[in-house]
Amino acid sequence: MLLIEHQLEVNFNGDSEDEDYDITLMKTANDYFRSHAVKPHLKVDYSLIDEGQDFKADWIRFLKNFFTDRVELFIVYDKAQNLYGHAVWIEDIEQIKDIGFR
């Protein structure tokens, strides 16, 4: 929806082993939103992230573009389901220091 709503195109060729689609998508979107406002109807007051252990802190920082000033963010995670090796990010003060948790 985000890509369609903002007519954002992600150029991903997948040729590089270092290039992941999510990294390319995040870079493209972050570059775009540095100079374009998120359309108001895409902003949210509440957000629930399930399987938070599979998220990266940078993804949360990106999602902040879509939060209203009064957003409530709820993250559910389970360290025992550490499939992608991201489980400890939410407990690492260095990774969450500028996210804005209360």
Foldseek 3Di string as FASTA:
>chain_A
DQCVVVVFDQDDDPPDPPDDPVVSVLVSLVVVCVPDQDPLVQADQEEEAEQCQPDFLSVLQSCVSRYDPNHDYHYHHDLVPNPPVSRCLVVDCVSCVPSDDD
